[in-house]
Amino acid sequence: MNHAPATDSQQSEGFFRCPIASDHRQATIHVGRKKTKAEVQETSIDGFTVLVAPNYAAMLKISQRWVLHYEGAKIEVHPQWMFNSPDGHVQLGLRRLRDLTPPPKRKKSILSRYGGRQYDDPSYSAAAFGGFVLFLFTLMALPGLGDRLGTSTRIQTAFQWILAELNQTLNQFL
């Protein structure tokens, strides 16, 4: 547990380590019920290098679960190594265990609020649009509204033509 950190900040333990800019370093380590302020110095695919102030270093207990809150993420970590510097700061090597960040909330459609089902498949949207267009054609073909708009006779004629063509095609095969 008391291993010295790698001196090369770019490459250690086979993973590329990325230094973090000073304005993006703020983090919090939750150990049990206690919160500890920390500064993330480096990050990699494997974990983090974190610096803890001397007054917070006493709160760190190895036997409890550690959760790192950093940049909106909540990550369960395990301390791999610890280095005590002469000024009292503690540098920690934390290994990622699992991501505990809750997934983002899904937005619901207006229809799902009123008992409708929520669908992820975009073909349901196309079917709903097709149904809406069919409903509009039906309205425009009605004798009362369609006569006022001048669409009733045209739609009825087109519909009769389609039926006649289908009838003629089916008679050829039968």
C-alpha atoms as a PDB file:
ATOM      1  CA  MET A   1       0.000   0.000   0.000  1.00  0.00           C
ATOM      2  CA  ASN A   2       2.905   2.418   0.619  1.00  0.00           C
ATOM      3  CA  HIS A   3       4.426   2.302  -2.823  1.00  0.00           C
ATOM      4  CA  ALA A   4       6.045   5.400  -4.274  1.00  0.00           C
ATOM      5  CA  PRO A   5       4.233   6.865  -7.267  1.00  0.00           C
ATOM      6  CA  ALA A   6       5.744   6.640 -10.716  1.00  0.00           C
ATOM      7  CA  THR A   7       7.976   9.607 -11.499  1.00  0.00           C
ATOM      8  CA  ASP A   8       6.967   9.705 -15.155  1.00  0.00           C
ATOM      9  CA  SER A   9       3.547  11.412 -15.166  1.00  0.00           C
ATOM     10  CA  GLN A  10       2.801  10.427 -18.767  1.00  0.00           C
ATOM     11  CA  GLN A  11       3.275   6.645 -18.626  1.00  0.00           C
ATOM     12  CA  SER A  12       2.946   4.415 -15.567  1.00  0.00           C
ATOM     13  CA  GLU A  13       1.890   0.796 -15.201  1.00  0.00           C
ATOM     14  CA  GLY A  14       1.344   0.542 -18.948  1.00  0.00           C
ATOM     15  CA  PHE A  15      -1.465   3.138 -19.075  1.00  0.00           C
ATOM     16  CA  PHE A  16      -1.243   6.646 -20.467  1.00  0.00           C
ATOM     17  CA  ARG A  17      -1.795   9.161 -17.704  1.00  0.00           C
ATOM     18  CA  CYS A  18      -3.339  12.505 -18.603  1.00  0.00           C
ATOM     19  CA  PRO A  19      -2.508  15.527 -16.428  1.00  0.00           C
ATOM     20  CA  ILE A  20      -5.532  17.606 -15.396  1.00  0.00           C
ATOM     21  CA  ALA A  21      -5.654  21.405 -15.705  1.00  0.00           C
ATOM     22  CA  SER A  22      -5.822  23.275 -12.398  1.00  0.00           C
ATOM     23  CA  ASP A  23      -9.345  24.604 -13.024  1.00  0.00           C
ATOM     24  CA  HIS A  24     -10.774  21.056 -13.410  1.00  0.00           C
ATOM     25  CA  ARG A  25      -9.136  19.382 -10.411  1.00  0.00           C
ATOM     26  CA  GLN A  26     -11.790  19.731  -7.681  1.00  0.00           C
ATOM     27  CA  ALA A  27     -13.168  16.428  -6.438  1.00  0.00           C
ATOM     28  CA  THR A  28     -14.617  14.875  -3.313  1.00  0.00           C
ATOM     29  CA  ILE A  29     -13.851  11.463  -1.862  1.00  0.00           C
ATOM     30  CA  HIS A  30     -16.606   9.923   0.241  1.00  0.00           C
ATOM     31  CA  VAL A  31     -15.265   7.396   2.728  1.00  0.00           C
ATOM     32  CA  GLY A  32     -18.191   5.965   4.619  1.00  0.00           C
ATOM     33  CA  ARG A  33     -20.172   9.008   5.771  1.00  0.00           C
ATOM     34  CA  LYS A  34     -17.249  11.429   5.687  1.00  0.00           C
ATOM     35  CA  LYS A  35     -16.381  13.727   2.811  1.00  0.00           C
ATOM     36  CA  THR A  36     -12.813  14.575   1.936  1.00  0.00           C
ATOM     37  CA  LYS A  37     -11.819  17.339  -0.457  1.00  0.00           C
ATOM     38  CA  ALA A  38      -9.285  16.275  -3.053  1.00  0.00           C
ATOM     39  CA  GLU A  39      -7.489  17.454  -6.182  1.00  0.00           C
ATOM     40  CA  VAL A  40      -7.300  15.135  -9.175  1.00  0.00           C
ATOM     41  CA  GLN A  41      -3.814  15.498 -10.657  1.00  0.00           C
ATOM     42  CA  GLU A  42      -3.895  12.789 -13.331  1.00  0.00           C
ATOM     43  CA  THR A  43      -6.409  10.410 -14.784  1.00  0.00           C
ATOM     44  CA  SER A  44      -6.156   7.270 -16.886  1.00  0.00           C
ATOM     45  CA  ILE A  45      -8.333   4.417 -18.062  1.00  0.00           C
ATOM     46  CA  ASP A  46      -7.249   2.544 -14.941  1.00  0.00           C
ATOM     47  CA  GLY A  47      -7.767   5.220 -12.307  1.00  0.00           C
ATOM     48  CA  PHE A  48      -6.724   8.542 -10.821  1.00  0.00           C
ATOM     49  CA  THR A  49      -3.828  10.225  -9.040  1.00  0.00           C
ATOM     50  CA  VAL A  50      -5.292  12.424  -6.295  1.00  0.00           C
ATOM     51  CA  LEU A  51      -3.776  14.923  -3.850  1.00  0.00           C
ATOM     52  CA  VAL A  52      -5.372  15.330  -0.403  1.00  0.00           C
ATOM     53  CA  ALA A  53      -4.628  18.168   2.036  1.00  0.00           C
ATOM     54  CA  PRO A  54      -3.078  17.250   5.407  1.00  0.00           C
ATOM     55  CA  ASN A  55      -6.200  18.140   7.441  1.00  0.00           C
ATOM     56  CA  TYR A  56      -8.332  15.769   5.301  1.00  0.00           C
ATOM     57  CA  ALA A  57      -5.798  12.927   5.126  1.00  0.00           C
ATOM     58  CA  ALA A  58      -6.731  11.673   8.610  1.00  0.00           C
ATOM     59  CA  MET A  59     -10.311  10.950   7.458  1.00  0.00           C
ATOM     60  CA  LEU A  60      -9.200   8.358   4.917  1.00  0.00           C
ATOM     61  CA  LYS A  61      -9.782   4.808   6.134  1.00  0.00           C
ATOM     62  CA  ILE A  62      -8.796   1.868   3.998  1.00  0.00           C
ATOM     63  CA  SER A  63     -11.386  -0.537   5.397  1.00  0.00           C
ATOM     64  CA  GLN A  64     -14.395   1.380   4.089  1.00  0.00           C
ATOM     65  CA  ARG A  65     -15.848   1.923   0.616  1.00  0.00           C
ATOM     66  CA  TRP A  66     -14.461   4.919  -1.309  1.00  0.00           C
ATOM     67  CA  VAL A  67     -16.542   6.897  -3.821  1.00  0.00           C
ATOM     68  CA  LEU A  68     -14.952   9.651  -5.903  1.00  0.00           C
ATOM     69  CA  HIS A  69     -17.223  12.498  -7.067  1.00  0.00           C
ATOM     70  CA  TYR A  70     -15.463  14.191  -9.971  1.00  0.00           C
ATOM     71  CA  GLU A  71     -16.774  16.247 -12.929  1.00  0.00           C
ATOM     72  CA  GLY A  72     -20.370  15.104 -12.387  1.00  0.00           C
ATOM     73  CA  ALA A  73     -19.393  11.423 -12.226  1.00  0.00           C
ATOM     74  CA  LYS A  74     -19.691   9.134  -9.225  1.00  0.00           C
ATOM     75  CA  ILE A  75     -17.031   6.398  -9.290  1.00  0.00           C
ATOM     76  CA  GLU A  76     -16.278   3.681  -6.775  1.00  0.00           C
ATOM     77  CA  VAL A  77     -12.499   3.540  -6.313  1.00  0.00           C
ATOM     78  CA  HIS A  78      -9.959   1.521  -4.376  1.00  0.00           C
ATOM     79  CA  PRO A  79      -6.707   3.019  -3.048  1.00  0.00           C
ATOM     80  CA  GLN A  80      -3.685   1.319  -4.649  1.00  0.00           C
ATOM     81  CA  TRP A  81      -0.849   3.356  -3.243  1.00  0.00           C
ATOM     82  CA  MET A  82      -0.310   6.251  -0.868  1.00  0.00           C
ATOM     83  CA  PHE A  83       2.613   8.679  -0.684  1.00  0.00           C
ATOM     84  CA  ASN A  84       3.113  11.103   2.203  1.00  0.00           C
ATOM     85  CA  SER A  85       4.951  14.230   1.090  1.00  0.00           C
ATOM     86  CA  PRO A  86       7.121  16.273   3.519  1.00  0.00           C
ATOM     87  CA  ASP A  87       4.597  19.151   3.513  1.00  0.00           C
ATOM     88  CA  GLY A  88       1.892  16.821   4.871  1.00  0.00           C
ATOM     89  CA  HIS A  89      -0.109  16.331   1.672  1.00  0.00           C
ATOM     90  CA  VAL A  90      -1.028  12.785   0.735  1.00  0.00           C
ATOM     91  CA  GLN A  91      -0.838  11.655  -2.877  1.00  0.00           C
ATOM     92  CA  LEU A  92      -3.099   8.691  -3.644  1.00  0.00           C
ATOM     93  CA  GLY A  93      -3.295   6.275  -6.525  1.00  0.00           C
ATOM     94  CA  LEU A  94      -6.941   5.286  -6.928  1.00  0.00           C
ATOM     95  CA  ARG A  95      -8.085   2.390  -9.113  1.00  0.00           C
ATOM     96  CA  ARG A  96     -11.494   2.541 -10.792  1.00  0.00           C
ATOM     97  CA  LEU A  97     -13.833  -0.233  -9.692  1.00  0.00           C
ATOM     98  CA  ARG A  98     -17.205   0.745 -11.181  1.00  0.00           C
ATOM     99  CA  ASP A  99     -19.182   3.746 -12.328  1.00  0.00           C
ATOM    100  CA  LEU A 100     -22.025   4.636  -9.961  1.00  0.00           C
ATOM    101  CA  THR A 101     -23.275   7.650 -11.925  1.00  0.00           C
ATOM    102  CA  PRO A 102     -27.042   7.335 -12.429  1.00  0.00           C
ATOM    103  CA  PRO A 103     -28.116   7.318 -16.088  1.00  0.00           C
ATOM    104  CA  PRO A 104     -29.723  10.513 -17.387  1.00  0.00           C
ATOM    105  CA  LYS A 105     -33.496  10.776 -17.128  1.00  0.00           C
ATOM    106  CA  ARG A 106     -35.342  10.005 -20.363  1.00  0.00           C
ATOM    107  CA  LYS A 107     -37.766  12.592 -21.620  1.00  0.00           C
ATOM    108  CA  LYS A 108     -41.272  11.341 -22.160  1.00  0.00           C
ATOM    109  CA  SER A 109     -43.608  12.289 -24.946  1.00  0.00           C
ATOM    110  CA  ILE A 110     -46.909  14.055 -24.393  1.00  0.00           C
ATOM    111  CA  LEU A 111     -48.872  10.910 -25.283  1.00  0.00           C
ATOM    112  CA  SER A 112     -47.079   8.803 -22.648  1.00  0.00           C
ATOM    113  CA  ARG A 113     -48.468  11.055 -19.916  1.00  0.00           C
ATOM    114  CA  TYR A 114     -52.008  10.089 -20.854  1.00  0.00           C
ATOM    115  CA  GLY A 115     -51.631   6.328 -20.693  1.00  0.00           C
ATOM    116  CA  GLY A 116     -49.838   5.838 -23.991  1.00  0.00           C
ATOM    117  CA  ARG A 117     -46.828   3.615 -24.261  1.00  0.00           C
ATOM    118  CA  GLN A 118     -43.331   4.971 -24.711  1.00  0.00           C
ATOM    119  CA  TYR A 119     -41.557   3.584 -27.765  1.00  0.00           C
ATOM    120  CA  ASP A 120     -37.904   3.800 -28.720  1.00  0.00           C
ATOM    121  CA  ASP A 121     -38.443   2.603 -32.295  1.00  0.00           C
ATOM    122  CA  PRO A 122     -38.737   5.522 -34.756  1.00  0.00           C
ATOM    123  CA  SER A 123     -41.040   3.517 -37.025  1.00  0.00           C
ATOM    124  CA  TYR A 124     -43.846   4.143 -34.526  1.00  0.00           C
ATOM    125  CA  SER A 125     -43.506   7.878 -35.228  1.00  0.00           C
ATOM    126  CA  ALA A 126     -43.786   7.184 -38.960  1.00  0.00           C
ATOM    127  CA  ALA A 127     -46.891   5.065 -38.385  1.00  0.00           C
ATOM    128  CA  ALA A 128     -48.456   7.820 -36.307  1.00  0.00           C
ATOM    129  CA  PHE A 129     -47.711  10.386 -39.025  1.00  0.00           C
ATOM    130  CA  GLY A 130     -49.158   8.073 -41.692  1.00  0.00           C
ATOM    131  CA  GLY A 131     -52.304   7.656 -39.614  1.00  0.00           C
ATOM    132  CA  PHE A 132     -52.614  11.406 -39.257  1.00  0.00           C
ATOM    133  CA  VAL A 133     -52.281  11.928 -43.034  1.00  0.00           C
ATOM    134  CA  LEU A 134     -54.889   9.199 -43.677  1.00  0.00           C
ATOM    135  CA  PHE A 135     -57.213  10.907 -41.213  1.00  0.00           C
ATOM    136  CA  LEU A 136     -56.800  14.228 -43.070  1.00  0.00           C
ATOM    137  CA  PHE A 137     -57.568  12.577 -46.436  1.00  0.00           C
ATOM    138  CA  THR A 138     -60.651  10.993 -44.917  1.00  0.00           C
ATOM    139  CA  LEU A 139     -61.832  14.375 -43.666  1.00  0.00           C
ATOM    140  CA  MET A 140     -61.214  15.995 -47.046  1.00  0.00           C
ATOM    141  CA  ALA A 141     -63.143  13.185 -48.792  1.00  0.00           C
ATOM    142  CA  LEU A 142     -66.289  13.576 -46.666  1.00  0.00           C
ATOM    143  CA  PRO A 143     -69.223  15.006 -48.620  1.00  0.00           C
ATOM    144  CA  GLY A 144     -69.845  17.998 -46.311  1.00  0.00           C
ATOM    145  CA  LEU A 145     -66.326  19.290 -45.656  1.00  0.00           C
ATOM    146  CA  GLY A 146     -64.849  17.958 -48.894  1.00  0.00           C
ATOM    147  CA  ASP A 147     -67.520  19.747 -50.971  1.00  0.00           C
ATOM    148  CA  ARG A 148     -66.708  23.057 -49.311  1.00  0.00           C
ATOM    149  CA  LEU A 149     -62.979  22.570 -49.930  1.00  0.00           C
ATOM    150  CA  GLY A 150     -63.485  21.182 -53.430  1.00  0.00           C
ATOM    151  CA  THR A 151     -61.563  17.999 -52.641  1.00  0.00           C
ATOM    152  CA  SER A 152     -64.365  15.480 -52.157  1.00  0.00           C
ATOM    153  CA  THR A 153     -64.996  14.645 -55.807  1.00  0.00           C
ATOM    154  CA  ARG A 154     -61.267  14.528 -56.655  1.00  0.00           C
ATOM    155  CA  ILE A 155     -60.416  12.160 -53.792  1.00  0.00           C
ATOM    156  CA  GLN A 156     -63.463   9.979 -54.461  1.00  0.00           C
ATOM    157  CA  THR A 157     -62.568   9.802 -58.172  1.00  0.00           C
ATOM    158  CA  ALA A 158     -58.956   8.880 -57.354  1.00  0.00           C
ATOM    159  CA  PHE A 159     -60.117   6.226 -54.877  1.00  0.00           C
ATOM    160  CA  GLN A 160     -62.542   4.735 -57.446  1.00  0.00           C
ATOM    161  CA  TRP A 161     -59.765   4.702 -60.079  1.00  0.00           C
ATOM    162  CA  ILE A 162     -57.423   2.811 -57.670  1.00  0.00           C
ATOM    163  CA  LEU A 163     -60.175   0.267 -56.919  1.00  0.00           C
ATOM    164  CA  ALA A 164     -60.882  -0.218 -60.667  1.00  0.00           C
ATOM    165  CA  GLU A 165     -57.177  -0.769 -61.412  1.00  0.00           C
ATOM    166  CA  LEU A 166     -56.859  -3.270 -58.551  1.00  0.00           C
ATOM    167  CA  ASN A 167     -59.978  -5.086 -59.753  1.00  0.00           C
ATOM    168  CA  GLN A 168     -58.653  -5.272 -63.331  1.00  0.00           C
ATOM    169  CA  THR A 169     -55.220  -6.531 -62.130  1.00  0.00           C
ATOM    170  CA  LEU A 170     -56.779  -9.207 -59.937  1.00  0.00           C
ATOM    171  CA  ASN A 171     -59.084 -10.369 -62.793  1.00  0.00           C
ATOM    172  CA  GLN A 172     -56.020 -10.899 -65.012  1.00  0.00           C
ATOM    173  CA  PHE A 173     -54.495 -13.319 -62.475  1.00  0.00           C
ATOM    174  CA  LEU A 174     -57.721 -15.185 -61.676  1.00  0.00           C
END
